Amino acid sequence: MNIEVVKSKIHRVKITDSDLNYIGSITIDEDLMDAANIIEGEKVHIVNINNGERIITYAIKGERKSGDIILNGPAARRVAKGDIIIIISYAMLEFEEAKKFKPAIIFPNENDNSLT
């Protein structure tokens, strides 16, 4: 039996911008992606702390050390610059493997999205 578990989590980062006319996705500072073990193109869930919205999209790399968290495409209407979000990805694991699995969970600085 396989179950879905949390694989990665970027807990409480600030939206730095949104781009309604971009084709879609969320742009994430590549340093944050590396720290959370998220790869480009990976499906992610976005939870907006400010308004309760939940969005499913995919990750694209942002410039390293930029702190960029940019929601693109139609989902841009569901956030405002400065909103605090949580970014989560999941993985399917065999049940016994899932019991031992430890997700990559990071807690960046909420003010500038840095890892320090």
Protein backbone atom coordinates (compact mmCIF):
# COMPACT_ATOMS: atom_id res chain seq x y z
CA MET A 1 0.00 0.00 0.00
CA ASN A 2 1.23 3.53 -0.82
CA ILE A 3 0.29 6.69 1.04
CA GLU A 4 0.87 10.38 0.33
CA VAL A 5 3.03 12.22 2.86
CA VAL A 6 4.52 15.70 3.20
CA LYS A 7 7.86 15.73 1.35
CA SER A 8 8.82 19.40 1.59
CA LYS A 9 7.57 22.52 3.30
CA ILE A 10 8.60 26.16 3.15
CA HIS A 11 6.84 27.54 6.20
CA ARG A 12 5.70 31.17 6.19
CA VAL A 13 7.30 33.16 3.39
CA LYS A 14 6.17 36.53 2.08
CA ILE A 15 4.77 37.06 -1.43
CA THR A 16 7.16 39.50 -3.11
CA ASP A 17 5.15 39.94 -6.30
CA SER A 18 2.53 38.42 -8.58
CA ASP A 19 2.29 38.33 -12.36
CA LEU A 20 -1.16 37.71 -13.78
CA ASN A 21 0.12 37.59 -17.38
CA TYR A 22 2.80 34.95 -16.80
CA ILE A 23 1.86 31.45 -18.01
CA GLY A 24 1.50 30.01 -14.51
CA SER A 25 3.42 28.58 -11.56
CA ILE A 26 5.15 29.99 -8.51
CA THR A 27 8.65 31.44 -8.72
CA ILE A 28 10.72 30.49 -5.65
CA ASP A 29 14.23 31.67 -4.77
CA GLU A 30 16.46 28.75 -5.79
CA ASP A 31 18.17 28.74 -2.37
CA LEU A 32 14.80 28.09 -0.73
CA MET A 33 14.00 25.36 -3.26
CA ASP A 34 17.32 23.63 -2.54
CA ALA A 35 16.88 23.88 1.22
CA ALA A 36 13.36 22.43 1.03
CA ASN A 37 14.30 19.74 -1.51
CA ILE A 38 11.86 21.08 -4.14
CA ILE A 39 12.79 20.78 -7.82
CA GLU A 40 11.74 22.87 -10.79
CA GLY A 41 8.44 21.66 -12.21
CA GLU A 42 7.41 19.92 -8.99
CA LYS A 43 3.75 20.15 -8.01
CA VAL A 44 3.27 22.32 -4.93
CA HIS A 45 0.35 23.39 -2.80
CA ILE A 46 0.18 27.00 -1.68
CA VAL A 47 -1.69 27.94 1.50
CA ASN A 48 -2.31 31.67 1.95
CA ILE A 49 -2.27 32.55 5.65
CA ASN A 50 -3.88 35.95 5.01
CA ASN A 51 -7.02 34.80 3.22
CA GLY A 52 -7.22 31.00 3.52
CA GLU A 53 -6.84 30.36 -0.23
CA ARG A 54 -5.36 27.01 -1.25
CA ILE A 55 -3.73 26.80 -4.68
CA ILE A 56 -2.08 23.95 -6.58
CA THR A 57 0.62 24.86 -9.10
CA TYR A 58 4.25 23.98 -9.91
CA ALA A 59 7.58 25.46 -8.86
CA ILE A 60 10.01 27.37 -11.06
CA LYS A 61 13.44 28.61 -10.04
CA GLY A 62 13.87 32.20 -8.99
CA GLU A 63 17.13 34.06 -8.66
CA ARG A 64 19.32 32.85 -5.78
CA LYS A 65 19.40 35.06 -2.69
CA SER A 66 16.63 37.24 -4.16
CA GLY A 67 13.99 36.14 -1.68
CA ASP A 68 11.58 35.96 -4.62
CA ILE A 69 8.21 34.32 -4.01
CA ILE A 70 6.07 35.26 -7.02
CA LEU A 71 2.70 33.73 -7.82
CA ASN A 72 2.10 33.71 -11.56
CA GLY A 73 -0.84 33.30 -13.93
CA PRO A 74 -4.48 33.18 -12.79
CA ALA A 75 -3.48 32.27 -9.22
CA ALA A 76 -1.96 35.77 -8.96
CA ARG A 77 -5.51 36.97 -8.27
CA ARG A 78 -5.55 34.95 -5.05
CA VAL A 79 -2.61 36.69 -3.35
CA ALA A 80 -1.46 40.19 -2.58
CA LYS A 81 2.12 41.38 -2.28
CA GLY A 82 3.07 40.93 1.37
CA ASP A 83 0.76 37.96 2.01
CA ILE A 84 2.32 35.15 4.05
CA ILE A 85 2.09 31.68 2.50
CA ILE A 86 3.16 28.11 3.15
CA ILE A 87 4.49 26.03 0.24
CA ILE A 88 4.04 22.25 0.53
CA SER A 89 4.90 19.31 -1.69
CA TYR A 90 3.93 15.68 -1.19
CA ALA A 91 5.31 12.27 -2.19
CA MET A 92 3.82 8.81 -2.57
CA LEU A 93 5.67 6.29 -0.41
CA GLU A 94 5.25 2.69 0.53
CA PHE A 95 3.54 2.51 3.93
CA GLU A 96 6.53 1.19 5.93
CA GLU A 97 8.93 3.61 4.21
CA ALA A 98 6.56 6.47 5.00
CA LYS A 99 6.75 5.70 8.72
CA LYS A 100 10.50 6.44 8.66
CA PHE A 101 10.50 9.29 6.14
CA LYS A 102 11.51 12.76 7.38
CA PRO A 103 10.32 15.71 5.27
CA ALA A 104 12.48 18.75 4.50
CA ILE A 105 10.82 21.57 6.42
CA ILE A 106 12.38 25.03 6.47
CA PHE A 107 11.47 28.21 8.34
CA PRO A 108 12.83 31.21 6.42
CA ASN A 109 12.90 34.74 7.83
CA GLU A 110 9.37 36.03 7.17
CA ASN A 111 10.57 39.58 6.58
CA ASP A 112 12.92 38.95 3.66
CA ASN A 113 12.47 35.21 2.91
CA SER A 114 16.15 34.54 3.70
CA LEU A 115 17.40 31.35 5.29
CA THR A 116 19.29 33.22 8.04
